[in-house]
Amino acid sequence: MLVHGLHHILLVLVTTLILLTLPAQCWLARPGPGSSHWHHQHPSYRLDLDIDNTKPEGESPLNVRNVERLGFQVANNSASHRDLGFTGKIAGQWYAVFGDTLWCAPGVTNFLEDTPGFHGMVRDSISLLTDDPLTVVDLNLNDDDPVPHQKQLIPFNEKWGETNQYGFGGTSFCETDAETATAALYYLVNVNENGGLLGAGVAKVEVKNNTPTVTQRFGDRGFWWDSNTTAKYGDQCAYRDERSEYIYIWGGPPNSITGWPHSSYAYLARVKAKDAFDLNKYEYFWGRQQGWKSEVLSKFDAETAVWWAVGQGQVAWNEYYQCYMLVHLSAFGDGAVYLRTAQSLEGPWTPDVQVYKSEPIEGGLVYAGVQHPYLDPTGQTLVLSFTNNNHIEVIKVAFA
């Protein structure tokens, strides 16, 4: 299991253990994969809350005609085991941001043919996406011979005390200026030595020599939102909404919020894309009753949250259904892939529809749903990927 994403998995596993002690009718999904009736149920015992803005509402419009497993994603110019791979666009070009990237043995050209052992790694990396969802072109390569490997996307800063024990799990590039090929990258700083989640940060990314490059990180210690006191904005999902001026970022509660169900809530913030590098311009969602405020969220519960037990995923507008769509993986860690929809990014969201169930590789974890909307702008088909024990598995969903 790679370091980034582990904290999401631990939270949902706690939720799973609790759910399994409850009557089956409280949480079991109904049969019929791919239909609007196969929903990842919101537990009925939480419905007595006065206000629960994470509760699904309405019926999903999705009608799945077919789901095809395409295979594993590989690089055509390097080889490594990796996770995440969140997609984002800068100046018309789509890229994938990966988390911990474990290099293959020297000379190996396909990670599926790697030999056992540790051969080196970086904490995150960047690849160019192609019109083939199973093929990426790794960028920012080193001089390893005969097969080069990726260098780290977000650099360590020794002045902040960062070492190679620090991780920077990033989500999607969010374009801030197409003309200058500039984007924001949201990430969570975590430390291996004690498993600490320090804070959520923002980096400026500029395309230099055809490669997205981190040119600036913000905050006195490389992050803005201290994980001890604020939500981990941008760690679960980041989305440049092209139907508005805004970037939307989702993240889990601060470290001080523990226990079920509160540790599994997700919170929302936004900023106009042109102001993404100005912390004072961010707005924080206080729930559908109170709306947006410039005041940083300090109340963490079902009223101010927008999702529950989702983990990392990705949002995109779907042209075919004329709504926003979220892909995420099962909170039970069993490989189930879900889609939910909304007319507004603030919610409410419809119930989950299970579109696929992957078999965990060697008992590993399956997590981090990713969308590839650029492959079919009509939205009638949707390519999705996710991490299956350090393999990027790819499926294609066709809607009726």
Protein backbone atom coordinates (compact mmCIF):
# COMPACT_ATOMS: atom_id res chain seq x y z
CA MET A 1 0.00 0.00 0.00
CA LEU A 2 1.38 3.39 -0.94
CA VAL A 3 1.59 6.08 1.71
CA HIS A 4 -0.80 8.58 0.17
CA GLY A 5 -4.40 7.50 0.42
CA LEU A 6 -3.73 5.36 3.50
CA HIS A 7 -5.44 7.79 5.86
CA HIS A 8 -8.58 7.66 3.69
CA ILE A 9 -8.54 3.87 3.79
CA LEU A 10 -8.13 3.75 7.58
CA LEU A 11 -11.10 6.06 8.07
CA VAL A 12 -13.41 4.05 5.87
CA LEU A 13 -12.27 0.76 7.40
CA VAL A 14 -13.36 2.01 10.80
CA THR A 15 -16.70 2.88 9.26
CA THR A 16 -16.89 -0.59 7.74
CA LEU A 17 -16.34 -2.34 11.06
CA ILE A 18 -19.13 -0.36 12.64
CA LEU A 19 -21.52 -0.99 9.77
CA LEU A 20 -20.90 -4.71 9.95
CA THR A 21 -22.14 -4.79 13.53
CA LEU A 22 -25.49 -3.36 12.47
CA PRO A 23 -28.55 -5.07 10.99
CA ALA A 24 -28.03 -5.94 7.36
CA GLN A 25 -30.98 -3.89 6.17
CA CYS A 26 -29.19 -0.75 7.34
CA TRP A 27 -26.39 -0.94 4.81
CA LEU A 28 -26.69 -3.68 2.21
CA ALA A 29 -26.84 -2.57 -1.44
CA ARG A 30 -29.74 -3.76 -3.51
CA PRO A 31 -29.03 -6.08 -6.45
CA GLY A 32 -28.68 -5.08 -10.07
CA PRO A 33 -25.23 -3.61 -10.92
CA GLY A 34 -25.29 -0.71 -13.34
CA SER A 35 -28.96 0.05 -12.71
CA SER A 36 -30.38 3.06 -10.92
CA HIS A 37 -31.47 0.64 -8.19
CA TRP A 38 -28.03 -0.55 -7.10
CA HIS A 39 -27.18 2.11 -4.56
CA HIS A 40 -24.46 2.37 -1.96
CA GLN A 41 -26.94 2.96 0.85
CA HIS A 42 -26.75 5.87 3.23
CA PRO A 43 -27.27 4.12 6.60
CA SER A 44 -30.81 4.55 7.79
CA TYR A 45 -29.75 5.00 11.39
CA ARG A 46 -28.26 8.41 10.49
CA LEU A 47 -31.53 9.78 9.14
CA ASP A 48 -32.70 11.00 12.54
CA LEU A 49 -30.24 13.90 12.42
CA ASP A 50 -31.89 17.33 12.36
CA ILE A 51 -29.87 18.34 9.31
CA ASP A 52 -27.79 15.96 7.21
CA ASN A 53 -26.56 17.57 4.01
CA THR A 54 -24.63 14.42 3.05
CA LYS A 55 -27.80 12.37 2.67
CA PRO A 56 -28.57 11.43 -0.95
CA GLU A 57 -31.73 12.88 -2.45
CA GLY A 58 -33.88 12.02 -5.44
CA GLU A 59 -33.19 9.30 -7.99
CA SER A 60 -30.09 8.86 -10.09
CA PRO A 61 -30.63 9.60 -13.81
CA LEU A 62 -27.93 7.12 -14.79
CA ASN A 63 -28.83 4.21 -17.04
CA VAL A 64 -25.78 2.05 -17.68
CA ARG A 65 -25.87 0.07 -20.91
CA ASN A 66 -22.48 -1.63 -20.68
CA VAL A 67 -19.23 -1.64 -18.68
CA GLU A 68 -16.02 -2.90 -20.25
CA ARG A 69 -12.77 -3.57 -18.44
CA LEU A 70 -9.99 -2.15 -20.62
CA GLY A 71 -6.93 -3.28 -18.65
CA PHE A 72 -4.04 -1.65 -16.78
CA GLN A 73 -2.55 1.72 -17.62
CA VAL A 74 1.17 1.70 -18.50
CA ALA A 75 3.77 4.26 -19.55
CA ASN A 76 5.34 3.93 -22.99
CA ASN A 77 8.69 5.42 -21.99
CA SER A 78 9.29 4.39 -18.36
CA ALA A 79 8.07 1.85 -15.82
CA SER A 80 6.83 2.16 -12.24
CA HIS A 81 4.13 1.11 -9.81
CA ARG A 82 1.94 4.04 -8.84
CA ASP A 83 -1.39 5.19 -7.45
CA LEU A 84 -3.99 7.94 -7.96
CA GLY A 85 -3.46 9.49 -11.43
CA PHE A 86 -6.01 12.29 -11.10
CA THR A 87 -6.62 13.97 -14.44
CA GLY A 88 -6.53 17.70 -15.16
CA LYS A 89 -6.16 20.07 -18.10
CA ILE A 90 -3.68 22.89 -18.72
CA ALA A 91 -3.87 24.91 -21.95
CA GLY A 92 -5.79 22.20 -23.77
CA GLN A 93 -3.54 19.33 -22.73
CA TRP A 94 -4.54 16.66 -20.20
CA TYR A 95 -2.18 15.32 -17.54
CA ALA A 96 -2.29 12.75 -14.75
CA VAL A 97 -0.93 13.46 -11.26
CA PHE A 98 0.20 10.29 -9.52
CA GLY A 99 1.01 9.71 -5.86
CA ASP A 100 3.89 7.59 -4.57
CA THR A 101 5.71 6.24 -7.61
CA LEU A 102 7.86 3.15 -7.10
CA TRP A 103 10.40 2.65 -9.86
CA CYS A 104 10.78 -0.71 -11.52
CA ALA A 105 14.09 -2.54 -11.63
CA PRO A 106 16.71 -1.20 -14.07
CA GLY A 107 15.88 -2.13 -17.64
CA VAL A 108 12.26 -3.09 -16.99
CA THR A 109 9.99 -1.41 -19.53
CA ASN A 110 6.59 -2.62 -18.26
CA PHE A 111 5.71 -2.59 -14.58
CA LEU A 112 3.75 -5.82 -15.01
CA GLU A 113 7.11 -7.52 -15.67
CA ASP A 114 8.95 -6.03 -12.69
CA THR A 115 11.18 -8.11 -10.39
CA PRO A 116 10.69 -8.22 -6.61
CA GLY A 117 12.38 -5.69 -4.36
CA PHE A 118 12.66 -1.95 -3.86
CA HIS A 119 14.30 -0.07 -6.72
CA GLY A 120 13.75 3.57 -5.74
CA MET A 121 10.77 5.91 -5.66
CA VAL A 122 9.46 9.46 -5.64
CA ARG A 123 6.49 10.79 -3.67
CA ASP A 124 4.54 12.04 -6.68
CA SER A 125 4.93 12.27 -10.45
CA ILE A 126 3.38 13.63 -13.64
CA SER A 127 2.44 12.02 -16.95
CA LEU A 128 0.96 13.15 -20.24
CA LEU A 129 -2.35 11.53 -21.11
CA THR A 130 -3.03 10.22 -24.60
CA ASP A 131 -6.09 9.23 -26.63
CA ASP A 132 -5.47 5.67 -25.40
CA PRO A 133 -6.51 5.43 -21.72
CA LEU A 134 -4.10 2.51 -21.25
CA THR A 135 -1.07 4.53 -22.35
CA VAL A 136 0.59 7.52 -20.69
CA VAL A 137 3.83 9.32 -21.45
CA ASP A 138 5.86 9.86 -18.30
CA LEU A 139 7.32 13.35 -17.96
CA ASN A 140 10.12 14.87 -15.86
CA LEU A 141 12.40 11.86 -16.32
CA ASN A 142 15.85 11.26 -14.85
CA ASP A 143 18.96 9.94 -16.60
CA ASP A 144 18.64 6.29 -15.58
CA ASP A 145 19.84 3.97 -18.33
CA PRO A 146 18.55 2.06 -20.23
CA VAL A 147 15.09 2.99 -18.88
CA PRO A 148 14.66 6.45 -17.29
CA HIS A 149 12.37 7.02 -14.30
CA GLN A 150 10.25 9.93 -13.14
CA LYS A 151 11.56 12.63 -10.86
CA GLN A 152 9.45 14.15 -8.12
CA LEU A 153 6.76 16.66 -9.09
CA ILE A 154 6.52 18.61 -5.81
CA PRO A 155 10.05 19.29 -4.55
CA PHE A 156 11.09 18.93 -0.92
CA ASN A 157 11.99 22.17 0.87
CA GLU A 158 14.71 21.66 3.47
CA LYS A 159 14.00 25.09 4.99
CA TRP A 160 10.64 23.71 6.12
CA GLY A 161 12.28 20.60 7.53
CA GLU A 162 11.05 18.39 4.71
CA THR A 163 12.89 15.16 3.93
CA ASN A 164 12.23 12.15 1.74
CA GLN A 165 9.92 10.94 4.51
CA TYR A 166 7.43 13.64 3.50
CA GLY A 167 4.67 12.83 1.05
CA PHE A 168 2.64 15.17 -1.14
CA GLY A 169 -0.49 13.45 -2.34
CA GLY A 170 -1.86 15.69 -5.07
CA THR A 171 -5.23 15.76 -6.78
CA SER A 172 -6.10 17.23 -10.20
CA PHE A 173 -4.46 20.17 -11.94
CA CYS A 174 -6.92 23.08 -11.88
CA GLU A 175 -6.20 25.54 -14.67
CA THR A 176 -5.92 29.17 -13.56
CA ASP A 177 -4.74 30.77 -16.82
CA ALA A 178 -4.81 28.97 -20.16
CA GLU A 179 -2.81 31.67 -21.96
CA THR A 180 0.15 31.33 -19.60
CA ALA A 181 -0.34 27.56 -19.17
CA THR A 182 -0.65 27.90 -15.40
CA ALA A 183 -2.60 25.76 -12.92
CA ALA A 184 -3.09 25.17 -9.22
CA LEU A 185 -2.23 21.82 -7.66
CA TYR A 186 -3.77 20.93 -4.29
CA TYR A 187 -2.00 18.43 -2.05
CA LEU A 188 -1.75 17.11 1.51
CA VAL A 189 1.60 17.14 3.30
CA ASN A 190 2.08 13.95 5.31
CA VAL A 191 5.04 12.52 7.19
CA ASN A 192 6.08 8.87 7.28
CA GLU A 193 7.86 8.85 10.64
CA ASN A 194 4.73 9.38 12.71
CA GLY A 195 1.96 9.15 10.12
CA GLY A 196 1.19 12.80 10.70
CA LEU A 197 -1.03 14.77 8.35
CA LEU A 198 0.42 18.28 8.54
CA GLY A 199 -1.65 20.42 6.24
CA ALA A 200 -3.30 20.95 2.88
CA GLY A 201 -1.46 23.16 0.45
CA VAL A 202 -1.48 24.78 -2.97
CA ALA A 203 1.29 24.88 -5.55
CA LYS A 204 1.58 26.98 -8.68
CA VAL A 205 2.26 24.82 -11.73
CA GLU A 206 3.60 26.26 -14.99
CA VAL A 207 4.24 24.33 -18.18
CA LYS A 208 7.93 24.68 -18.99
CA ASN A 209 9.58 22.78 -21.84
CA ASN A 210 6.28 20.94 -22.35
CA THR A 211 6.31 19.68 -18.76
CA PRO A 212 4.11 20.91 -15.89
CA THR A 213 6.53 22.20 -13.27
CA VAL A 214 5.91 23.31 -9.69
CA THR A 215 7.31 26.85 -9.51
CA GLN A 216 5.93 27.98 -6.14
CA ARG A 217 4.40 26.54 -2.99
CA PHE A 218 2.38 28.74 -0.67
CA GLY A 219 2.31 29.05 3.10
CA ASP A 220 5.00 29.44 5.74
CA ARG A 221 5.54 25.67 5.85
CA GLY A 222 4.34 24.80 2.36
CA PHE A 223 0.66 24.57 3.20
CA TRP A 224 -2.22 26.90 4.03
CA TRP A 225 -4.74 24.76 5.90
CA ASP A 226 -3.29 23.30 9.10
CA SER A 227 -4.66 19.78 9.49
CA ASN A 228 -4.95 20.18 13.24
CA THR A 229 -7.55 22.93 12.97
CA THR A 230 -9.03 23.07 9.47
CA ALA A 231 -10.40 20.70 6.86
CA LYS A 232 -7.87 19.13 4.50
CA TYR A 233 -9.15 21.05 1.49
CA GLY A 234 -8.18 19.66 -1.88
CA ASP A 235 -6.98 16.32 -0.58
CA GLN A 236 -10.02 14.29 -1.59
CA CYS A 237 -10.94 16.06 -4.81
CA ALA A 238 -10.20 19.23 -6.80
CA TYR A 239 -12.17 20.44 -9.80
CA ARG A 240 -11.93 23.42 -12.16
CA ASP A 241 -15.56 24.05 -13.00
CA GLU A 242 -15.59 25.29 -16.58
CA ARG A 243 -19.24 26.22 -16.21
CA SER A 244 -18.25 28.94 -13.73
CA GLU A 245 -15.22 30.97 -12.67
CA TYR A 246 -14.46 28.69 -9.76
CA ILE A 247 -12.19 25.94 -8.54
CA TYR A 248 -13.88 23.63 -6.02
CA ILE A 249 -11.88 21.61 -3.48
CA TRP A 250 -13.06 18.89 -1.10
CA GLY A 251 -11.32 17.49 1.96
CA GLY A 252 -11.77 15.59 5.18
CA PRO A 253 -12.06 17.03 8.71
CA PRO A 254 -9.15 18.22 10.86
CA ASN A 255 -7.08 15.73 12.85
CA SER A 256 -8.93 16.72 16.01
CA ILE A 257 -12.16 15.23 14.64
CA THR A 258 -12.04 11.51 15.36
CA GLY A 259 -14.44 8.63 15.66
CA TRP A 260 -17.43 7.52 13.69
CA PRO A 261 -19.19 9.06 11.81
CA HIS A 262 -17.49 12.46 12.03
CA SER A 263 -14.07 11.40 10.72
CA SER A 264 -15.62 10.35 7.40
CA TYR A 265 -17.26 13.65 6.44
CA ALA A 266 -15.95 15.77 3.54
CA TYR A 267 -16.08 19.58 3.38
CA LEU A 268 -16.04 22.03 0.48
CA ALA A 269 -14.26 25.28 -0.36
CA ARG A 270 -13.95 27.31 -3.55
CA VAL A 271 -12.09 30.19 -5.13
CA LYS A 272 -12.21 31.99 -8.45
CA ALA A 273 -9.54 30.43 -10.64
CA LYS A 274 -7.79 33.75 -11.16
CA ASP A 275 -7.46 34.12 -7.36
CA ALA A 276 -6.31 30.59 -6.57
CA PHE A 277 -2.97 31.76 -5.16
CA ASP A 278 -4.52 34.27 -2.74
CA LEU A 279 -5.67 32.59 0.47
CA ASN A 280 -7.85 35.57 1.41
CA LYS A 281 -10.06 35.01 -1.65
CA TYR A 282 -11.22 31.53 -0.67
CA GLU A 283 -14.80 30.84 0.40
CA TYR A 284 -15.94 28.04 2.67
CA PHE A 285 -19.21 26.13 2.47
CA TRP A 286 -21.13 26.03 5.75
CA GLY A 287 -23.92 23.80 4.48
CA ARG A 288 -26.91 24.44 2.26
CA GLN A 289 -28.69 26.31 5.05
CA GLN A 290 -25.89 28.85 5.67
CA GLY A 291 -24.19 28.81 2.29
CA TRP A 292 -20.79 30.29 1.43
CA LYS A 293 -18.75 32.42 3.82
CA SER A 294 -15.31 34.00 3.78
CA GLU A 295 -14.93 32.73 7.35
CA VAL A 296 -12.95 29.49 7.51
CA LEU A 297 -15.18 26.57 8.48
CA SER A 298 -14.96 25.69 12.16
CA LYS A 299 -18.05 23.50 12.59
CA PHE A 300 -17.59 19.94 11.38
CA ASP A 301 -20.72 17.84 11.22
CA ALA A 302 -23.47 16.55 8.93
CA GLU A 303 -24.84 20.04 8.43
CA THR A 304 -21.66 21.60 7.06
CA ALA A 305 -20.39 18.51 5.21
CA VAL A 306 -21.27 17.60 1.62
CA TRP A 307 -20.17 13.92 1.43
CA TRP A 308 -19.79 11.06 3.84
CA ALA A 309 -17.53 7.95 3.58
CA VAL A 310 -16.43 8.75 0.05
CA GLY A 311 -12.62 8.88 0.15
CA GLN A 312 -10.75 10.25 -2.84
CA GLY A 313 -12.57 10.67 -6.12
CA GLN A 314 -13.06 13.00 -9.06
CA VAL A 315 -15.85 15.30 -10.22
CA ALA A 316 -16.59 16.37 -13.80
CA TRP A 317 -19.51 17.77 -15.77
CA ASN A 318 -21.28 15.16 -17.89
CA GLU A 319 -22.67 16.60 -21.08
CA TYR A 320 -24.91 13.63 -21.84
CA TYR A 321 -26.80 13.81 -18.55
CA GLN A 322 -26.35 17.56 -18.10
CA CYS A 323 -25.16 17.23 -14.51
CA TYR A 324 -22.05 16.94 -12.37
CA MET A 325 -20.81 13.43 -11.76
CA LEU A 326 -18.60 12.04 -8.99
CA VAL A 327 -16.74 8.74 -9.25
CA HIS A 328 -15.52 7.17 -6.04
CA LEU A 329 -14.74 3.72 -4.68
CA SER A 330 -16.53 1.70 -2.04
CA ALA A 331 -16.03 2.68 1.58
CA PHE A 332 -15.78 -1.05 2.26
CA GLY A 333 -12.52 -1.31 0.29
CA ASP A 334 -13.96 -4.17 -1.77
CA GLY A 335 -13.38 -2.77 -5.27
CA ALA A 336 -16.88 -1.46 -5.97
CA VAL A 337 -16.94 1.61 -8.23
CA TYR A 338 -19.75 4.14 -7.78
CA LEU A 339 -21.13 7.15 -9.64
CA ARG A 340 -23.40 9.83 -8.18
CA THR A 341 -24.78 13.02 -9.73
CA ALA A 342 -25.79 16.55 -8.78
CA GLN A 343 -27.04 19.70 -10.45
CA SER A 344 -24.98 21.80 -8.04
CA LEU A 345 -21.55 21.08 -6.63
CA GLU A 346 -22.87 22.03 -3.21
CA GLY A 347 -25.38 19.19 -3.48
CA PRO A 348 -27.64 17.50 -2.90
CA TRP A 349 -26.22 14.44 -4.63
CA THR A 350 -28.26 11.50 -5.84
CA PRO A 351 -27.74 7.99 -4.43
CA ASP A 352 -24.70 6.09 -5.63
CA VAL A 353 -25.01 3.72 -8.57
CA GLN A 354 -22.56 0.84 -8.63
CA VAL A 355 -21.15 0.45 -12.14
CA TYR A 356 -18.37 -2.08 -11.57
CA LYS A 357 -16.69 -4.27 -9.00
CA SER A 358 -13.00 -5.05 -9.31
CA GLU A 359 -11.25 -7.96 -7.65
CA PRO A 360 -8.52 -6.64 -5.31
CA ILE A 361 -5.10 -7.77 -6.54
CA GLU A 362 -3.36 -10.02 -4.00
CA GLY A 363 -5.73 -8.80 -1.31
CA GLY A 364 -4.60 -5.18 -1.76
CA LEU A 365 -6.65 -2.03 -1.48
CA VAL A 366 -8.78 -0.55 -4.26
CA TYR A 367 -9.37 3.21 -4.08
CA ALA A 368 -9.21 6.67 -5.72
CA GLY A 369 -11.72 6.99 -8.56
CA VAL A 370 -10.59 9.04 -11.58
CA GLN A 371 -12.50 10.34 -14.62
CA HIS A 372 -11.20 10.72 -18.18
CA PRO A 373 -13.91 12.96 -19.70
CA TYR A 374 -11.67 14.22 -22.53
CA LEU A 375 -11.96 10.84 -24.29
CA ASP A 376 -15.64 11.40 -25.10
CA PRO A 377 -16.84 15.03 -24.84
CA THR A 378 -20.43 13.90 -25.50
CA GLY A 379 -20.45 12.13 -22.15
CA GLN A 380 -22.34 9.11 -23.49
CA THR A 381 -19.34 6.97 -22.62
CA LEU A 382 -17.05 7.60 -19.67
CA VAL A 383 -13.64 6.08 -19.03
CA LEU A 384 -12.80 5.63 -15.35
CA SER A 385 -9.64 4.50 -13.63
CA PHE A 386 -8.76 3.61 -10.06
CA THR A 387 -5.91 2.21 -7.99
CA ASN A 388 -5.88 -1.54 -7.42
CA ASN A 389 -2.86 -2.43 -5.26
CA ASN A 390 -0.55 -0.01 -7.10
CA HIS A 391 -1.97 -0.89 -10.52
CA ILE A 392 -4.02 1.72 -12.39
CA GLU A 393 -7.02 -0.26 -13.60
CA VAL A 394 -9.21 1.21 -16.37
CA ILE A 395 -12.86 0.61 -17.30
CA LYS A 396 -15.24 2.17 -19.83
CA VAL A 397 -18.87 2.87 -18.97
CA ALA A 398 -21.45 3.26 -21.77
CA PHE A 399 -24.74 4.96 -20.91
CA ALA A 400 -28.02 4.11 -22.58
